[in-house]
Protein backbone atom coordinates (compact mmCIF):
# COMPACT_ATOMS: atom_id res chain seq x y z
CA MET A 1 -19.58 13.14 -8.86
CA SER A 2 -19.61 12.42 -12.63
CA ILE A 3 -18.07 9.38 -14.08
CA GLU A 4 -15.55 11.71 -16.15
CA THR A 5 -14.40 13.32 -12.81
CA LEU A 6 -14.24 9.93 -10.94
CA ILE A 7 -12.00 8.54 -13.96
CA HIS A 8 -9.89 11.57 -13.78
CA GLU A 9 -9.29 11.16 -10.08
CA TRP A 10 -8.56 7.48 -10.62
CA ARG A 11 -6.04 8.02 -13.19
CA GLN A 12 -4.48 10.77 -11.10
CA SER A 13 -3.99 8.30 -8.16
CA ILE A 14 -2.21 5.81 -10.18
CA LYS A 15 1.37 7.19 -9.60
CA GLU A 16 0.63 8.08 -6.05
CA ASN A 17 -0.83 4.68 -5.60
CA ALA A 18 2.30 2.96 -7.02
CA LYS A 19 4.50 4.99 -4.85
CA ALA A 20 2.92 3.99 -1.61
CA LYS A 21 3.02 0.47 -2.52
CA SER A 22 6.81 0.47 -3.73
CA ASP A 23 7.79 2.24 -0.39
CA ALA A 24 5.83 -0.23 1.58
CA GLU A 25 7.68 -3.05 -0.35
CA TYR A 26 11.20 -1.41 -0.14
CA LEU A 27 10.72 -1.15 3.51
CA ARG A 28 9.75 -4.79 4.02
CA GLU A 29 12.85 -5.49 2.27
CA PHE A 30 15.13 -3.12 4.11
CA ARG A 31 13.79 -4.40 7.28
CA LYS A 32 16.01 -7.53 6.70
CA SER A 33 18.79 -5.49 5.81
CA LYS A 34 18.70 -3.48 8.99
CA LYS A 35 18.30 -6.42 11.07
CA ALA A 36 21.55 -7.67 9.64
CA ILE A 37 23.30 -4.53 10.15
CA LEU A 38 22.36 -4.32 13.58
CA MET A 39 23.39 -8.00 14.61
CA GLN A 40 26.91 -6.97 13.07
CA GLU A 41 26.70 -3.90 14.92
CA ALA A 42 25.93 -6.16 18.28
CA GLN A 43 28.62 -8.46 17.41
CA SER A 44 31.23 -5.68 17.27
CA LYS A 45 30.17 -4.58 20.79
CA GLY A 46 31.25 -7.83 21.74
CA ILE A 47 27.52 -9.59 22.03
CA LYS A 48 28.27 -13.22 21.32
CA THR A 49 25.24 -15.29 20.77
CA GLY A 50 23.20 -15.11 17.70
CA GLN A 51 20.03 -15.08 19.96
CA GLU A 52 21.51 -12.17 21.79
CA ARG A 53 22.38 -10.33 18.71
CA GLU A 54 18.84 -10.85 17.14
CA SER A 55 17.32 -9.44 20.11
CA TYR A 56 19.69 -6.54 20.36
CA ALA A 57 18.39 -5.83 16.59
CA TYR A 58 14.77 -6.35 17.21
CA ALA A 59 14.90 -4.06 20.30
CA HIS A 60 17.06 -1.37 18.85
CA ASP A 61 15.50 2.06 18.19
CA GLU A 62 16.65 2.52 14.54
CA TYR A 63 14.56 -1.12 13.84
CA ILE A 64 11.52 -0.05 15.85
CA GLU A 65 11.56 3.34 13.67
CA LEU A 66 11.92 1.50 10.75
CA LEU A 67 8.77 -0.69 11.60
CA GLU A 68 6.84 2.49 12.37
CA GLY A 69 7.61 3.47 8.93
CA LEU A 70 6.59 0.51 7.24
CA ARG A 71 3.48 0.67 9.36
CA VAL A 72 2.63 4.11 7.97
CA ALA A 73 3.63 3.14 4.37
CA VAL A 74 1.22 -0.15 4.39
CA GLU A 75 -1.58 2.00 5.67
CA LYS A 76 -1.01 4.48 3.04
CA ALA A 77 -0.99 1.54 0.21
CA GLU A 78 -3.92 -0.14 1.47
CA SER A 79 -5.89 3.21 1.63
CA PHE A 80 -4.98 3.84 -2.05
CA ARG A 81 -5.74 0.09 -2.76
CA CYS A 82 -9.25 0.24 -1.00
CA ARG A 83 -9.93 3.95 -3.07
CA MET A 84 -9.11 2.13 -6.44
CA ILE A 85 -11.38 -0.65 -5.59
CA LEU A 86 -14.02 1.69 -4.65
CA ALA A 87 -13.62 3.75 -7.76
CA GLU A 88 -13.85 0.49 -9.85
CA LYS A 89 -17.25 -0.42 -8.11
CA ARG A 90 -18.55 3.08 -8.70
CA VAL A 91 -17.57 2.65 -12.35
CA ASN A 92 -19.29 -0.54 -12.62
CA ILE A 93 -22.50 0.72 -10.90
CA TRP A 94 -22.44 3.42 -13.65
CA GLN A 95 -21.77 1.05 -16.35
CA THR A 96 -24.85 -1.09 -15.00
CA LYS A 97 -27.01 1.85 -14.91
CA GLN A 98 -26.17 2.91 -18.30
CA ALA A 99 -26.79 -0.66 -19.60
CA SER A 100 -30.42 -0.54 -17.92
CA ALA A 101 -31.20 2.69 -19.41
CA ARG A 102 -30.41 1.62 -22.76
CA LYS A 103 -32.20 -1.77 -22.60
CA GLU A 104 -35.39 0.48 -21.09
CA GLN A 105 -35.02 2.70 -24.04
CA SER A 106 -34.83 -0.35 -26.71
CA MET A 107 -38.15 -1.73 -24.95
CA TYR A 108 -40.03 1.55 -25.67
CA GLY A 109 -38.57 1.91 -29.14
CA ALA A 110 -36.67 5.35 -28.36
């Protein structure tokens, strides 16, 4: 793969990477709101203690579904992060090879 192709793919991934990261962060924060919503729902159903309401919220299907969405979002964000690191490393290797080639050429007076 040429360096130009690599850099082009890297640039194309920036927006998607940012979206994946923002989705994961949003779901992390929304998880707190969802817990509060479900705890209020539990209270309206007559569940009295805070511990029981919290257990209700954590065991609720909607909360578990949100956690699954968070898992997927974090996985996607991490995958993009690793791809970006790998691309950066490949660019660094290319730069090192170019610098070595220039040095070698200068040693032979080319």
